[in-house]
Amino acid sequence: VKGRFTISRDNAKNTIDLQMNSLKPEDTAVYYCNIKGAYGTYNYWG
């Protein structure tokens, strides 16, 4: 996905975005959001 996708975060709004351009059929999937704390403190999934 390098060069096609861009990830960003807004700490004030508690959001994570993924801009996906030039999409291909092989990009078809279920996409999951994840937040992982340092040293295994937490690991959350959407």
All heavy atoms as atom14 arrays in JSON, in Angstrom:
{
  "sequence": "VKGRFTISRDNAKNTIDLQMNSLKPEDTAVYYCNIKGAYGTYNYWG",
  "atom14_mask": [
    [1, 1, 1, 1, 1, 1, 1, 0, 0, 0, 0, 0, 0, 0],
    [1, 1, 1, 1, 1, 1, 1, 1, 1, 0, 0, 0, 0, 0],
    [1, 1, 1, 1, 0, 0, 0, 0, 0, 0, 0, 0, 0, 0],
    [1, 1, 1, 1, 1, 1, 1, 1, 1, 1, 1, 0, 0, 0],
    [1, 1, 1, 1, 1, 1, 1, 1, 1, 1, 1, 0, 0, 0],
    [1, 1, 1, 1, 1, 1, 1, 0, 0, 0, 0, 0, 0, 0],
    [1, 1, 1, 1, 1, 1, 1, 1, 0, 0, 0, 0, 0, 0],
    [1, 1, 1, 1, 1, 1, 0, 0, 0, 0, 0, 0, 0, 0],
    [1, 1, 1, 1, 1, 1, 1, 1, 1, 1, 1, 0, 0, 0],
    [1, 1, 1, 1, 1, 1, 1, 1, 0, 0, 0, 0, 0, 0],
    [1, 1, 1, 1, 1, 1, 1, 1, 0, 0, 0, 0, 0, 0],
    [1, 1, 1, 1, 1, 0, 0, 0, 0, 0, 0, 0, 0, 0],
    [1, 1, 1, 1, 1, 1, 1, 1, 1, 0, 0, 0, 0, 0],
    [1, 1, 1, 1, 1, 1, 1, 1, 0, 0, 0, 0, 0, 0],
    [1, 1, 1, 1, 1, 1, 1, 0, 0, 0, 0, 0, 0, 0],
    [1, 1, 1, 1, 1, 1, 1, 1, 0, 0, 0, 0, 0, 0],
    [1, 1, 1, 1, 1, 1, 1, 1, 0, 0, 0, 0, 0, 0],
    [1, 1, 1, 1, 1, 1, 1, 1, 0, 0, 0, 0, 0, 0],
    [1, 1, 1, 1, 1, 1, 1, 1, 1, 0, 0, 0, 0, 0],
    [1, 1, 1, 1, 1, 1, 1, 1, 0, 0, 0, 0, 0, 0],
    [1, 1, 1, 1, 1, 1, 1, 1, 0, 0, 0, 0, 0, 0],
    [1, 1, 1, 1, 1, 1, 0, 0, 0, 0, 0, 0, 0, 0],
    [1, 1, 1, 1, 1, 1, 1, 1, 0, 0, 0, 0, 0, 0],
    [1, 1, 1, 1, 1, 1, 1, 1, 1, 0, 0, 0, 0, 0],
    [1, 1, 1, 1, 1, 1, 1, 0, 0, 0, 0, 0, 0, 0],
    [1, 1, 1, 1, 1, 1, 1, 1, 1, 0, 0, 0, 0, 0],
    [1, 1, 1, 1, 1, 1, 1, 1, 0, 0, 0, 0, 0, 0],
    [1, 1, 1, 1, 1, 1, 1, 0, 0, 0, 0, 0, 0, 0],
    [1, 1, 1, 1, 1, 0, 0, 0, 0, 0, 0, 0, 0, 0],
    [1, 1, 1, 1, 1, 1, 1, 0, 0, 0, 0, 0, 0, 0],
    [1, 1, 1, 1, 1, 1, 1, 1, 1, 1, 1, 1, 0, 0],
    [1, 1, 1, 1, 1, 1, 1, 1, 1, 1, 1, 1, 0, 0],
    [1, 1, 1, 1, 1, 1, 0, 0, 0, 0, 0, 0, 0, 0],
    [1, 1, 1, 1, 1, 1, 1, 1, 0, 0, 0, 0, 0, 0],
    [1, 1, 1, 1, 1, 1, 1, 1, 0, 0, 0, 0, 0, 0],
    [1, 1, 1, 1, 1, 1, 1, 1, 1, 0, 0, 0, 0, 0],
    [1, 1, 1, 1, 0, 0, 0, 0, 0, 0, 0, 0, 0, 0],
    [1, 1, 1, 1, 1, 0, 0, 0, 0, 0, 0, 0, 0, 0],
    [1, 1, 1, 1, 1, 1, 1, 1, 1, 1, 1, 1, 0, 0],
    [1, 1, 1, 1, 0, 0, 0, 0, 0, 0, 0, 0, 0, 0],
    [1, 1, 1, 1, 1, 1, 1, 0, 0, 0, 0, 0, 0, 0],
    [1, 1, 1, 1, 1, 1, 1, 1, 1, 1, 1, 1, 0, 0],
    [1, 1, 1, 1, 1, 1, 1, 1, 0, 0, 0, 0, 0, 0],
    [1, 1, 1, 1, 1, 1, 1, 1, 1, 1, 1, 1, 0, 0],
    [1, 1, 1, 1, 1, 1, 1, 1, 1, 1, 1, 1, 1, 1],
    [1, 1, 1, 1, 0, 0, 0, 0, 0, 0, 0, 0, 0, 0]
  ],
  "atom14_positions": [
    [[0.81, -1.22, 0.0], [0.0, 0.0, 0.0], [0.84, 1.27, 0.0], [0.28, 2.37, -0.11], [-0.97, 0.04, 1.2], [-1.8, -1.24, 1.26], [-0.22, 0.25, 2.51], [0.0, 0.0, 0.0], [0.0, 0.0, 0.0], [0.0, 0.0, 0.0], [0.0, 0.0, 0.0], [0.0, 0.0, 0.0], [0.0, 0.0, 0.0], [0.0, 0.0, 0.0]],
    [[2.14, 1.14, 0.11], [3.03, 2.29, 0.17], [2.87, 3.16, -1.07], [2.87, 2.66, -2.2], [4.47, 1.82, 0.32], [5.44, 2.87, 0.82], [6.79, 2.25, 1.16], [6.67, 1.2, 2.25], [7.98, 0.6, 2.62], [0.0, 0.0, 0.0], [0.0, 0.0, 0.0], [0.0, 0.0, 0.0], [0.0, 0.0, 0.0], [0.0, 0.0, 0.0]],
    [[2.7, 4.45, -0.84], [2.5, 5.38, -1.94], [1.06, 5.58, -2.33], [0.74, 6.51, -3.08], [0.0, 0.0, 0.0], [0.0, 0.0, 0.0], [0.0, 0.0, 0.0], [0.0, 0.0, 0.0], [0.0, 0.0, 0.0], [0.0, 0.0, 0.0], [0.0, 0.0, 0.0], [0.0, 0.0, 0.0], [0.0, 0.0, 0.0], [0.0, 0.0, 0.0]],
    [[0.17, 4.72, -1.84], [-1.25, 4.83, -2.15], [-2.1, 5.19, -0.94], [-3.1, 5.89, -1.07], [-1.77, 3.52, -2.75], [-1.09, 3.12, -4.05], [-1.79, 1.91, -4.68], [-1.7, 0.73, -3.83], [-2.76, 0.06, -3.35], [-4.0, 0.47, -3.66], [-2.6, -1.02, -2.59], [0.0, 0.0, 0.0], [0.0, 0.0, 0.0], [0.0, 0.0, 0.0]],
    [[-1.7, 4.7, 0.23], [-2.45, 4.92, 1.46], [-1.71, 5.91, 2.36], [-0.47, 5.94, 2.37], [-2.65, 3.62, 2.23], [-3.56, 2.61, 1.58], [-4.02, 2.78, 0.28], [-3.96, 1.49, 2.28], [-4.86, 1.85, -0.31], [-4.79, 0.55, 1.71], [-5.24, 0.72, 0.41], [0.0, 0.0, 0.0], [0.0, 0.0, 0.0], [0.0, 0.0, 0.0]],
    [[-2.47, 6.66, 3.14], [-1.9, 7.58, 4.11], [-2.64, 7.45, 5.43], [-3.87, 7.58, 5.47], [-1.97, 9.04, 3.63], [-1.29, 9.17, 2.38], [-1.32, 9.97, 4.64], [0.0, 0.0, 0.0], [0.0, 0.0, 0.0], [0.0, 0.0, 0.0], [0.0, 0.0, 0.0], [0.0, 0.0, 0.0], [0.0, 0.0, 0.0], [0.0, 0.0, 0.0]],
    [[-1.89, 7.21, 6.5], [-2.49, 7.11, 7.83], [-2.24, 8.4, 8.6], [-1.18, 9.02, 8.46], [-1.94, 5.88, 8.61], [-2.74, 5.65, 9.9], [-0.45, 6.03, 8.9], [-2.42, 4.32, 10.58], [0.0, 0.0, 0.0], [0.0, 0.0, 0.0], [0.0, 0.0, 0.0], [0.0, 0.0, 0.0], [0.0, 0.0, 0.0], [0.0, 0.0, 0.0]],
    [[-3.2, 8.79, 9.41], [-3.06, 9.99, 10.23], [-3.83, 9.81, 11.53], [-4.7, 8.94, 11.63], [-3.54, 11.23, 9.48], [-4.92, 11.12, 9.13], [0.0, 0.0, 0.0], [0.0, 0.0, 0.0], [0.0, 0.0, 0.0], [0.0, 0.0, 0.0], [0.0, 0.0, 0.0], [0.0, 0.0, 0.0], [0.0, 0.0, 0.0], [0.0, 0.0, 0.0]],
    [[-3.5, 10.63, 12.51], [-4.2, 10.58, 13.79], [-4.46, 11.99, 14.29], [-3.67, 12.9, 14.06], [-3.41, 9.76, 14.83], [-2.04, 10.34, 15.18], [-1.24, 9.37, 16.04], [-1.7, 9.31, 17.42], [-1.25, 8.44, 18.33], [-0.34, 7.54, 17.99], [-1.72, 8.47, 19.56], [0.0, 0.0, 0.0], [0.0, 0.0, 0.0], [0.0, 0.0, 0.0]],
    [[-5.57, 12.14, 14.98], [-5.93, 13.39, 15.61], [-6.14, 13.1, 17.08], [-7.18, 12.57, 17.47], [-7.19, 13.98, 14.97], [-7.51, 15.37, 15.47], [-7.18, 15.7, 16.61], [-8.1, 16.15, 14.69], [0.0, 0.0, 0.0], [0.0, 0.0, 0.0], [0.0, 0.0, 0.0], [0.0, 0.0, 0.0], [0.0, 0.0, 0.0], [0.0, 0.0, 0.0]],
    [[-5.15, 13.43, 17.88], [-5.21, 13.09, 19.3], [-6.3, 13.86, 20.04], [-6.84, 13.36, 21.03], [-3.85, 13.35, 19.95], [-2.78, 12.42, 19.45], [-3.04, 11.27, 19.12], [-1.54, 12.9, 19.41], [0.0, 0.0, 0.0], [0.0, 0.0, 0.0], [0.0, 0.0, 0.0], [0.0, 0.0, 0.0], [0.0, 0.0, 0.0], [0.0, 0.0, 0.0]],
    [[-6.62, 15.05, 19.58], [-7.66, 15.84, 20.22], [-9.04, 15.23, 19.99], [-9.9, 15.28, 20.87], [-7.63, 17.27, 19.71], [0.0, 0.0, 0.0], [0.0, 0.0, 0.0], [0.0, 0.0, 0.0], [0.0, 0.0, 0.0], [0.0, 0.0, 0.0], [0.0, 0.0, 0.0], [0.0, 0.0, 0.0], [0.0, 0.0, 0.0], [0.0, 0.0, 0.0]],
    [[-9.26, 14.66, 18.82], [-10.55, 14.07, 18.48], [-10.61, 12.56, 18.71], [-11.66, 11.96, 18.51], [-10.89, 14.37, 17.02], [-11.07, 15.84, 16.72], [-11.44, 16.07, 15.26], [-11.67, 17.53, 14.96], [-12.02, 17.75, 13.53], [0.0, 0.0, 0.0], [0.0, 0.0, 0.0], [0.0, 0.0, 0.0], [0.0, 0.0, 0.0], [0.0, 0.0, 0.0]],
    [[-9.49, 11.97, 19.09], [-9.41, 10.53, 19.33], [-9.78, 9.73, 18.08], [-10.53, 8.75, 18.15], [-10.33, 10.11, 20.49], [-10.09, 10.89, 21.75], [-8.97, 11.27, 22.05], [-11.16, 11.13, 22.5], [0.0, 0.0, 0.0], [0.0, 0.0, 0.0], [0.0, 0.0, 0.0], [0.0, 0.0, 0.0], [0.0, 0.0, 0.0], [0.0, 0.0, 0.0]],
    [[-9.23, 10.14, 16.95], [-9.54, 9.47, 15.7], [-8.28, 9.06, 14.96], [-7.22, 9.67, 15.1], [-10.39, 10.35, 14.77], [-9.7, 11.57, 14.51], [-11.74, 10.64, 15.39], [0.0, 0.0, 0.0], [0.0, 0.0, 0.0], [0.0, 0.0, 0.0], [0.0, 0.0, 0.0], [0.0, 0.0, 0.0], [0.0, 0.0, 0.0], [0.0, 0.0, 0.0]],
    [[-8.42, 8.03, 14.16], [-7.37, 7.54, 13.28], [-7.98, 7.38, 11.89], [-9.01, 6.73, 11.74], [-6.83, 6.17, 13.73], [-6.61, 6.14, 15.23], [-5.54, 5.84, 12.98], [-6.88, 4.77, 15.84], [0.0, 0.0, 0.0], [0.0, 0.0, 0.0], [0.0, 0.0, 0.0], [0.0, 0.0, 0.0], [0.0, 0.0, 0.0], [0.0, 0.0, 0.0]],
    [[-7.36, 7.97, 10.9], [-7.87, 7.92, 9.54], [-6.93, 7.17, 8.61], [-5.72, 7.11, 8.84], [-8.09, 9.33, 8.98], [-9.26, 10.04, 9.63], [-10.03, 9.41, 10.38], [-9.41, 11.25, 9.38], [0.0, 0.0, 0.0], [0.0, 0.0, 0.0], [0.0, 0.0, 0.0], [0.0, 0.0, 0.0], [0.0, 0.0, 0.0], [0.0, 0.0, 0.0]],
    [[-7.5, 6.6, 7.58], [-6.72, 5.96, 6.54], [-7.27, 6.4, 5.2], [-8.38, 6.01, 4.81], [-6.78, 4.43, 6.65], [-5.92, 3.66, 5.66], [-4.44, 3.85, 5.98], [-6.28, 2.17, 5.67], [0.0, 0.0, 0.0], [0.0, 0.0, 0.0], [0.0, 0.0, 0.0], [0.0, 0.0, 0.0], [0.0, 0.0, 0.0], [0.0, 0.0, 0.0]],
    [[-6.51, 7.24, 4.5], [-6.87, 7.67, 3.16], [-6.34, 6.65, 2.17], [-5.14, 6.39, 2.12], [-6.3, 9.05, 2.86], [-6.59, 9.56, 1.47], [-8.07, 9.81, 1.24], [-8.74, 10.39, 2.08], [-8.57, 9.36, 0.1], [0.0, 0.0, 0.0], [0.0, 0.0, 0.0], [0.0, 0.0, 0.0], [0.0, 0.0, 0.0], [0.0, 0.0, 0.0]],
    [[-7.23, 6.08, 1.38], [-6.86, 5.04, 0.43], [-7.13, 5.52, -0.98], [-8.28, 5.8, -1.34], [-7.64, 3.75, 0.71], [-7.51, 3.25, 2.14], [-8.33, 1.66, 2.41], [-10.04, 2.15, 2.16], [0.0, 0.0, 0.0], [0.0, 0.0, 0.0], [0.0, 0.0, 0.0], [0.0, 0.0, 0.0], [0.0, 0.0, 0.0], [0.0, 0.0, 0.0]],
    [[-6.08, 5.62, -1.77], [-6.18, 6.07, -3.15], [-5.74, 4.96, -4.09], [-5.07, 4.01, -3.69], [-5.32, 7.31, -3.38], [-5.75, 8.49, -2.55], [-6.93, 8.69, -2.29], [-4.79, 9.3, -2.14], [0.0, 0.0, 0.0], [0.0, 0.0, 0.0], [0.0, 0.0, 0.0], [0.0, 0.0, 0.0], [0.0, 0.0, 0.0], [0.0, 0.0, 0.0]],
    [[-6.1, 5.1, -5.35], [-5.72, 4.13, -6.38], [-6.01, 2.71, -5.94], [-5.17, 1.81, -6.05], [-4.23, 4.29, -6.72], [-3.95, 5.6, -7.15], [0.0, 0.0, 0.0], [0.0, 0.0, 0.0], [0.0, 0.0, 0.0], [0.0, 0.0, 0.0], [0.0, 0.0, 0.0], [0.0, 0.0, 0.0], [0.0, 0.0, 0.0], [0.0, 0.0, 0.0]],
    [[-7.21, 2.5, -5.47], [-7.58, 1.2, -4.92], [-7.58, 0.11, -5.99], [-7.94, 0.34, -7.14], [-8.95, 1.28, -4.25], [-8.93, 1.97, -2.88], [-10.32, 2.42, -2.48], [-8.33, 1.03, -1.84], [0.0, 0.0, 0.0], [0.0, 0.0, 0.0], [0.0, 0.0, 0.0], [0.0, 0.0, 0.0], [0.0, 0.0, 0.0], [0.0, 0.0, 0.0]],
    [[-7.18, -1.07, -5.56], [-7.09, -2.24, -6.42], [-7.99, -3.34, -5.89], [-8.3, -3.37, -4.7], [-5.64, -2.75, -6.48], [-4.62, -1.72, -6.9], [-3.21, -2.28, -6.77], [-2.17, -1.26, -7.19], [-0.79, -1.8, -7.05], [0.0, 0.0, 0.0], [0.0, 0.0, 0.0], [0.0, 0.0, 0.0], [0.0, 0.0, 0.0], [0.0, 0.0, 0.0]],
    [[-8.4, -4.28, -6.75], [-9.24, -5.38, -6.27], [-8.6, -6.15, -5.12], [-9.33, -6.62, -4.23], [-9.38, -6.27, -7.52], [-9.28, -5.31, -8.65], [-8.26, -4.29, -8.21], [0.0, 0.0, 0.0], [0.0, 0.0, 0.0], [0.0, 0.0, 0.0], [0.0, 0.0, 0.0], [0.0, 0.0, 0.0], [0.0, 0.0, 0.0], [0.0, 0.0, 0.0]],
    [[-7.29, -6.26, -5.1], [-6.61, -6.97, -4.02], [-6.65, -6.23, -2.69], [-6.24, -6.78, -1.66], [-5.15, -7.29, -4.39], [-4.39, -6.1, -4.93], [-4.35, -6.07, -6.46], [-5.4, -6.3, -7.08], [-3.27, -5.82, -7.02], [0.0, 0.0, 0.0], [0.0, 0.0, 0.0], [0.0, 0.0, 0.0], [0.0, 0.0, 0.0], [0.0, 0.0, 0.0]],
    [[-7.14, -4.99, -2.68], [-7.35, -4.27, -1.44], [-8.65, -4.67, -0.75], [-8.91, -4.24, 0.38], [-7.36, -2.76, -1.68], [-6.02, -2.23, -2.15], [-4.98, -2.66, -1.61], [-6.01, -1.37, -3.05], [0.0, 0.0, 0.0], [0.0, 0.0, 0.0], [0.0, 0.0, 0.0], [0.0, 0.0, 0.0], [0.0, 0.0, 0.0], [0.0, 0.0, 0.0]],
    [[-9.47, -5.45, -1.42], [-10.73, -5.9, -0.86], [-10.49, -6.7, 0.41], [-9.75, -7.68, 0.4], [-11.52, -6.74, -1.87], [-11.87, -5.93, -2.99], [-12.79, -7.3, -1.24], [0.0, 0.0, 0.0], [0.0, 0.0, 0.0], [0.0, 0.0, 0.0], [0.0, 0.0, 0.0], [0.0, 0.0, 0.0], [0.0, 0.0, 0.0], [0.0, 0.0, 0.0]],
    [[-11.09, -6.27, 1.5], [-10.89, -6.91, 2.8], [-11.76, -6.22, 3.84], [-12.36, -5.18, 3.59], [-9.42, -6.82, 3.22], [0.0, 0.0, 0.0], [0.0, 0.0, 0.0], [0.0, 0.0, 0.0], [0.0, 0.0, 0.0], [0.0, 0.0, 0.0], [0.0, 0.0, 0.0], [0.0, 0.0, 0.0], [0.0, 0.0, 0.0], [0.0, 0.0, 0.0]],
    [[-11.81, -6.84, 5.01], [-12.36, -6.16, 6.17], [-11.2, -5.44, 6.85], [-10.16, -6.04, 7.13], [-13.02, -7.14, 7.16], [-13.51, -6.41, 8.4], [-14.18, -7.87, 6.49], [0.0, 0.0, 0.0], [0.0, 0.0, 0.0], [0.0, 0.0, 0.0], [0.0, 0.0, 0.0], [0.0, 0.0, 0.0], [0.0, 0.0, 0.0], [0.0, 0.0, 0.0]],
    [[-11.37, -4.16, 7.09], [-10.33, -3.34, 7.68], [-10.62, -3.1, 9.15], [-11.73, -2.72, 9.52], [-10.22, -2.01, 6.94], [-9.52, -2.13, 5.61], [-10.12, -2.8, 4.55], [-8.24, -1.6, 5.42], [-9.49, -2.93, 3.33], [-7.6, -1.74, 4.2], [-8.22, -2.4, 3.16], [-7.58, -2.52, 1.94], [0.0, 0.0, 0.0], [0.0, 0.0, 0.0]],
    [[-9.61, -3.33, 9.99], [-9.75, -3.22, 11.43], [-8.86, -2.12, 11.99], [-7.67, -2.05, 11.66], [-9.39, -4.54, 12.12], [-10.25, -5.71, 11.73], [-9.93, -6.52, 10.66], [-11.4, -6.0, 12.46], [-10.72, -7.6, 10.31], [-12.2, -7.08, 12.12], [-11.86, -7.87, 11.05], [-12.64, -8.94, 10.7], [0.0, 0.0, 0.0], [0.0, 0.0, 0.0]],
    [[-9.41, -1.33, 12.86], [-8.66, -0.32, 13.59], [-8.04, -0.94, 14.84], [-8.65, -1.81, 15.48], [-9.6, 0.83, 13.97], [-8.87, 2.13, 14.98], [0.0, 0.0, 0.0], [0.0, 0.0, 0.0], [0.0, 0.0, 0.0], [0.0, 0.0, 0.0], [0.0, 0.0, 0.0], [0.0, 0.0, 0.0], [0.0, 0.0, 0.0], [0.0, 0.0, 0.0]],
    [[-6.84, -0.5, 15.19], [-6.15, -1.04, 16.35], [-5.37, 0.05, 17.08], [-4.75, 0.9, 16.45], [-5.19, -2.15, 15.92], [-4.28, -2.63, 17.03], [-3.1, -2.29, 17.08], [-4.83, -3.42, 17.94], [0.0, 0.0, 0.0], [0.0, 0.0, 0.0], [0.0, 0.0, 0.0], [0.0, 0.0, 0.0], [0.0, 0.0, 0.0], [0.0, 0.0, 0.0]],
    [[-5.42, 0.01, 18.4], [-4.6, 0.88, 19.24], [-3.87, 0.0, 20.23], [-4.49, -0.76, 20.97], [-5.42, 1.95, 19.98], [-6.2, 2.81, 18.99], [-4.5, 2.82, 20.83], [-7.05, 3.87, 19.64], [0.0, 0.0, 0.0], [0.0, 0.0, 0.0], [0.0, 0.0, 0.0], [0.0, 0.0, 0.0], [0.0, 0.0, 0.0], [0.0, 0.0, 0.0]],
    [[-2.56, 0.12, 20.26], [-1.72, -0.73, 21.09], [-0.84, 0.12, 21.99], [-0.1, 0.98, 21.53], [-0.85, -1.61, 20.19], [-0.04, -2.65, 20.9], [0.8, -3.44, 19.9], [-0.07, -4.05, 18.81], [0.73, -4.78, 17.79], [0.0, 0.0, 0.0], [0.0, 0.0, 0.0], [0.0, 0.0, 0.0], [0.0, 0.0, 0.0], [0.0, 0.0, 0.0]],
    [[-0.92, -0.14, 23.29], [-0.11, 0.58, 24.26], [1.28, 0.0, 24.36], [1.5, -1.19, 24.13], [0.0, 0.0, 0.0], [0.0, 0.0, 0.0], [0.0, 0.0, 0.0], [0.0, 0.0, 0.0], [0.0, 0.0, 0.0], [0.0, 0.0, 0.0], [0.0, 0.0, 0.0], [0.0, 0.0, 0.0], [0.0, 0.0, 0.0], [0.0, 0.0, 0.0]],
    [[2.23, 0.85, 24.72], [3.6, 0.41, 24.89], [3.7, -0.62, 26.01], [2.93, -0.59, 26.98], [4.5, 1.61, 25.2], [0.0, 0.0, 0.0], [0.0, 0.0, 0.0], [0.0, 0.0, 0.0], [0.0, 0.0, 0.0], [0.0, 0.0, 0.0], [0.0, 0.0, 0.0], [0.0, 0.0, 0.0], [0.0, 0.0, 0.0], [0.0, 0.0, 0.0]],
    [[4.63, -1.54, 25.85], [4.91, -2.57, 26.85], [3.71, -3.45, 27.16], [3.58, -3.97, 28.27], [5.45, -1.92, 28.13], [6.55, -0.93, 27.88], [6.36, 0.43, 28.06], [7.8, -1.36, 27.44], [7.37, 1.34, 27.81], [8.82, -0.46, 27.18], [8.6, 0.89, 27.37], [9.62, 1.79, 27.13], [0.0, 0.0, 0.0], [0.0, 0.0, 0.0]],
    [[2.83, -3.62, 26.2], [1.69, -4.52, 26.35], [0.64, -4.06, 27.33], [-0.12, -4.88, 27.85], [0.0, 0.0, 0.0], [0.0, 0.0, 0.0], [0.0, 0.0, 0.0], [0.0, 0.0, 0.0], [0.0, 0.0, 0.0], [0.0, 0.0, 0.0], [0.0, 0.0, 0.0], [0.0, 0.0, 0.0], [0.0, 0.0, 0.0], [0.0, 0.0, 0.0]],
    [[0.56, -2.77, 27.58], [-0.4, -2.26, 28.55], [-1.85, -2.42, 28.1], [-2.74, -2.6, 28.93], [-0.12, -0.78, 28.86], [0.01, -0.04, 27.64], [1.18, -0.65, 29.65], [0.0, 0.0, 0.0], [0.0, 0.0, 0.0], [0.0, 0.0, 0.0], [0.0, 0.0, 0.0], [0.0, 0.0, 0.0], [0.0, 0.0, 0.0], [0.0, 0.0, 0.0]],
    [[-2.1, -2.34, 26.8], [-3.43, -2.56, 26.27], [-3.35, -2.81, 24.78], [-2.36, -2.51, 24.12], [-4.37, -1.38, 26.56], [-3.84, -0.02, 26.14], [-3.97, 0.43, 24.84], [-3.22, 0.8, 27.07], [-3.48, 1.67, 24.46], [-2.73, 2.04, 26.69], [-2.87, 2.48, 25.39], [-2.39, 3.71, 25.01], [0.0, 0.0, 0.0], [0.0, 0.0, 0.0]],
    [[-4.41, -3.39, 24.24], [-4.49, -3.71, 22.82], [-5.97, -3.77, 22.44], [-6.65, -4.75, 22.75], [-3.79, -5.04, 22.54], [-3.65, -5.32, 21.07], [-3.76, -4.42, 20.23], [-3.39, -6.58, 20.73], [0.0, 0.0, 0.0], [0.0, 0.0, 0.0], [0.0, 0.0, 0.0], [0.0, 0.0, 0.0], [0.0, 0.0, 0.0], [0.0, 0.0, 0.0]],
    [[-6.44, -2.73, 21.79], [-7.85, -2.61, 21.45], [-8.09, -2.75, 19.96], [-7.3, -2.29, 19.13], [-8.41, -1.27, 21.92], [-8.3, -1.03, 23.4], [-7.47, -0.03, 23.91], [-9.02, -1.8, 24.31], [-7.36, 0.2, 25.26], [-8.91, -1.58, 25.67], [-8.08, -0.58, 26.15], [-7.98, -0.36, 27.5], [0.0, 0.0, 0.0], [0.0, 0.0, 0.0]],
    [[-9.22, -3.38, 19.61], [-9.61, -3.6, 18.22], [-11.02, -3.13, 17.96], [-11.89, -3.23, 18.82], [-9.53, -5.09, 17.87], [-8.15, -5.65, 17.86], [-7.48, -6.2, 18.9], [-7.28, -5.72, 16.73], [-6.23, -6.62, 18.5], [-6.09, -6.34, 17.17], [-7.39, -5.34, 15.39], [-5.01, -6.58, 16.31], [-6.32, -5.57, 14.55], [-5.15, -6.18, 15.01]],
    [[-11.25, -2.63, 16.75], [-12.58, -2.32, 16.3], [-13.25, -3.55, 15.72], [-12.65, -4.62, 15.59], [0.0, 0.0, 0.0], [0.0, 0.0, 0.0], [0.0, 0.0, 0.0], [0.0, 0.0, 0.0], [0.0, 0.0, 0.0], [0.0, 0.0, 0.0], [0.0, 0.0, 0.0], [0.0, 0.0, 0.0], [0.0, 0.0, 0.0], [0.0, 0.0, 0.0]]
  ]
}
